[in-house]
C-alpha atoms as a PDB file:
ATOM      1  CA  UNK A   1    -168.440 127.404 -71.385  1.00  0.00           C
ATOM      2  CA  UNK A   2    -172.084 126.819 -70.499  1.00  0.00           C
ATOM      3  CA  UNK A   3    -174.038 128.060 -67.520  1.00  0.00           C
ATOM      4  CA  UNK A   4    -176.667 126.103 -65.637  1.00  0.00           C
ATOM      5  CA  UNK A   5    -179.446 128.106 -67.379  1.00  0.00           C
ATOM      6  CA  UNK A   6    -178.108 127.371 -70.879  1.00  0.00           C
ATOM      7  CA  UNK A   7    -179.662 124.490 -72.788  1.00  0.00           C
ATOM      8  CA  UNK A   8    -178.020 122.073 -75.231  1.00  0.00           C
ATOM      9  CA  UNK A   9    -180.510 120.223 -77.406  1.00  0.00           C
ATOM     10  CA  UNK A  10    -179.214 117.671 -79.928  1.00  0.00           C
ATOM     11  CA  UNK A  11    -181.387 117.536 -83.043  1.00  0.00           C
ATOM     12  CA  UNK A  12    -179.587 114.750 -84.894  1.00  0.00           C
ATOM     13  CA  UNK A  13    -175.987 113.659 -85.361  1.00  0.00           C
ATOM     14  CA  UNK A  14    -175.115 116.836 -87.321  1.00  0.00           C
ATOM     15  CA  UNK A  15    -177.164 119.497 -85.545  1.00  0.00           C
ATOM     16  CA  UNK A  16    -177.273 120.877 -82.028  1.00  0.00           C
ATOM     17  CA  UNK A  17    -179.302 123.798 -80.739  1.00  0.00           C
ATOM     18  CA  UNK A  18    -177.838 125.903 -77.943  1.00  0.00           C
ATOM     19  CA  UNK A  19    -180.119 128.231 -76.010  1.00  0.00           C
ATOM     20  CA  UNK A  20    -178.689 131.121 -73.999  1.00  0.00           C
ATOM     21  CA  UNK A  21    -181.631 132.695 -72.144  1.00  0.00           C
ATOM     22  CA  UNK A  22    -181.474 136.364 -71.181  1.00  0.00           C
ATOM     23  CA  UNK A  23    -178.148 136.812 -72.978  1.00  0.00           C
ATOM     24  CA  UNK A  24    -177.358 139.575 -75.440  1.00  0.00           C
ATOM     25  CA  UNK A  25    -176.350 138.655 -78.995  1.00  0.00           C
ATOM     26  CA  UNK A  26    -172.723 139.824 -78.522  1.00  0.00           C
ATOM     27  CA  UNK A  27    -172.328 137.604 -75.459  1.00  0.00           C
ATOM     28  CA  UNK A  28    -173.798 134.627 -77.314  1.00  0.00           C
ATOM     29  CA  UNK A  29    -171.419 135.188 -80.224  1.00  0.00           C
ATOM     30  CA  UNK A  30    -168.478 135.247 -77.788  1.00  0.00           C
ATOM     31  CA  UNK A  31    -169.696 132.038 -76.134  1.00  0.00           C
ATOM     32  CA  UNK A  32    -170.066 130.305 -79.506  1.00  0.00           C
ATOM     33  CA  UNK A  33    -166.517 131.323 -80.460  1.00  0.00           C
ATOM     34  CA  UNK A  34    -165.188 129.900 -77.164  1.00  0.00           C
ATOM     35  CA  UNK A  35    -167.068 126.647 -77.748  1.00  0.00           C
ATOM     36  CA  UNK A  36    -165.749 126.364 -81.316  1.00  0.00           C
ATOM     37  CA  UNK A  37    -162.198 127.025 -80.126  1.00  0.00           C
ATOM     38  CA  UNK A  38    -162.427 124.488 -77.289  1.00  0.00           C
ATOM     39  CA  UNK A  39    -163.833 121.617 -79.355  1.00  0.00           C
ATOM     40  CA  UNK A  40    -161.551 122.311 -82.296  1.00  0.00           C
ATOM     41  CA  UNK A  41    -164.127 121.822 -85.031  1.00  0.00           C
ATOM     42  CA  UNK A  42    -165.061 124.071 -87.910  1.00  0.00           C
ATOM     43  CA  UNK A  43    -168.719 124.722 -87.150  1.00  0.00           C
ATOM     44  CA  UNK A  44    -171.357 126.665 -89.010  1.00  0.00           C
ATOM     45  CA  UNK A  45    -173.443 128.607 -86.555  1.00  0.00           C
ATOM     46  CA  UNK A  46    -176.402 130.917 -86.631  1.00  0.00           C
ATOM     47  CA  UNK A  47    -177.710 133.189 -83.892  1.00  0.00           C
ATOM     48  CA  UNK A  48    -181.327 134.270 -83.570  1.00  0.00           C
ATOM     49  CA  UNK A  49    -181.974 136.720 -80.769  1.00  0.00           C
ATOM     50  CA  UNK A  50    -185.124 137.936 -79.017  1.00  0.00           C
ATOM     51  CA  UNK A  51    -186.622 140.428 -79.836  1.00  0.00           C
ATOM     52  CA  UNK A  52    -184.492 141.481 -82.849  1.00  0.00           C
ATOM     53  CA  UNK A  53    -185.142 138.304 -84.834  1.00  0.00           C
ATOM     54  CA  UNK A  54    -188.580 137.426 -83.522  1.00  0.00           C
ATOM     55  CA  UNK A  55    -190.902 137.839 -80.582  1.00  0.00           C
ATOM     56  CA  UNK A  56    -192.334 134.326 -80.554  1.00  0.00           C
ATOM     57  CA  UNK A  57    -190.656 130.940 -80.564  1.00  0.00           C
ATOM     58  CA  UNK A  58    -191.900 130.358 -84.125  1.00  0.00           C
ATOM     59  CA  UNK A  59    -190.543 133.693 -85.369  1.00  0.00           C
ATOM     60  CA  UNK A  60    -187.165 132.976 -83.752  1.00  0.00           C
ATOM     61  CA  UNK A  61    -187.061 129.482 -85.267  1.00  0.00           C
ATOM     62  CA  UNK A  62    -188.000 130.809 -88.722  1.00  0.00           C
ATOM     63  CA  UNK A  63    -185.286 133.476 -88.461  1.00  0.00           C
ATOM     64  CA  UNK A  64    -182.705 130.887 -87.472  1.00  0.00           C
ATOM     65  CA  UNK A  65    -183.696 128.623 -90.372  1.00  0.00           C
ATOM     66  CA  UNK A  66    -183.295 131.548 -92.776  1.00  0.00           C
ATOM     67  CA  UNK A  67    -179.895 132.436 -91.310  1.00  0.00           C
ATOM     68  CA  UNK A  68    -178.676 128.843 -91.626  1.00  0.00           C
ATOM     69  CA  UNK A  69    -180.118 128.379 -95.119  1.00  0.00           C
ATOM     70  CA  UNK A  70    -178.302 131.549 -96.213  1.00  0.00           C
ATOM     71  CA  UNK A  71    -175.035 130.008 -94.951  1.00  0.00           C
ATOM     72  CA  UNK A  72    -175.628 126.507 -96.279  1.00  0.00           C
ATOM     73  CA  UNK A  73    -177.559 124.822 -99.012  1.00  0.00           C
ATOM     74  CA  UNK A  74    -181.202 125.001 -97.961  1.00  0.00           C
ATOM     75  CA  UNK A  75    -181.698 122.067 -95.659  1.00  0.00           C
ATOM     76  CA  UNK A  76    -184.920 122.881 -93.864  1.00  0.00           C
ATOM     77  CA  UNK A  77    -188.179 123.758 -95.545  1.00  0.00           C
ATOM     78  CA  UNK A  78    -190.644 125.889 -93.625  1.00  0.00           C
END
């Protein structure tokens, strides 16, 4: 499900960041659904996309934190 340009970055035992460079949001959402289906776990995911959600790495990270905090109890303070 991942290409050689995609990046998997474990954060801790409960969090993993997946980076899909130069990939449109719809394609990322499809990839995430395939991953969820293949590993058979109920995952909570968030997608932050350049440039819609931010034009810098910090803006993208902040957008992703907001998306995840809206889905979960706030877990990350900015």
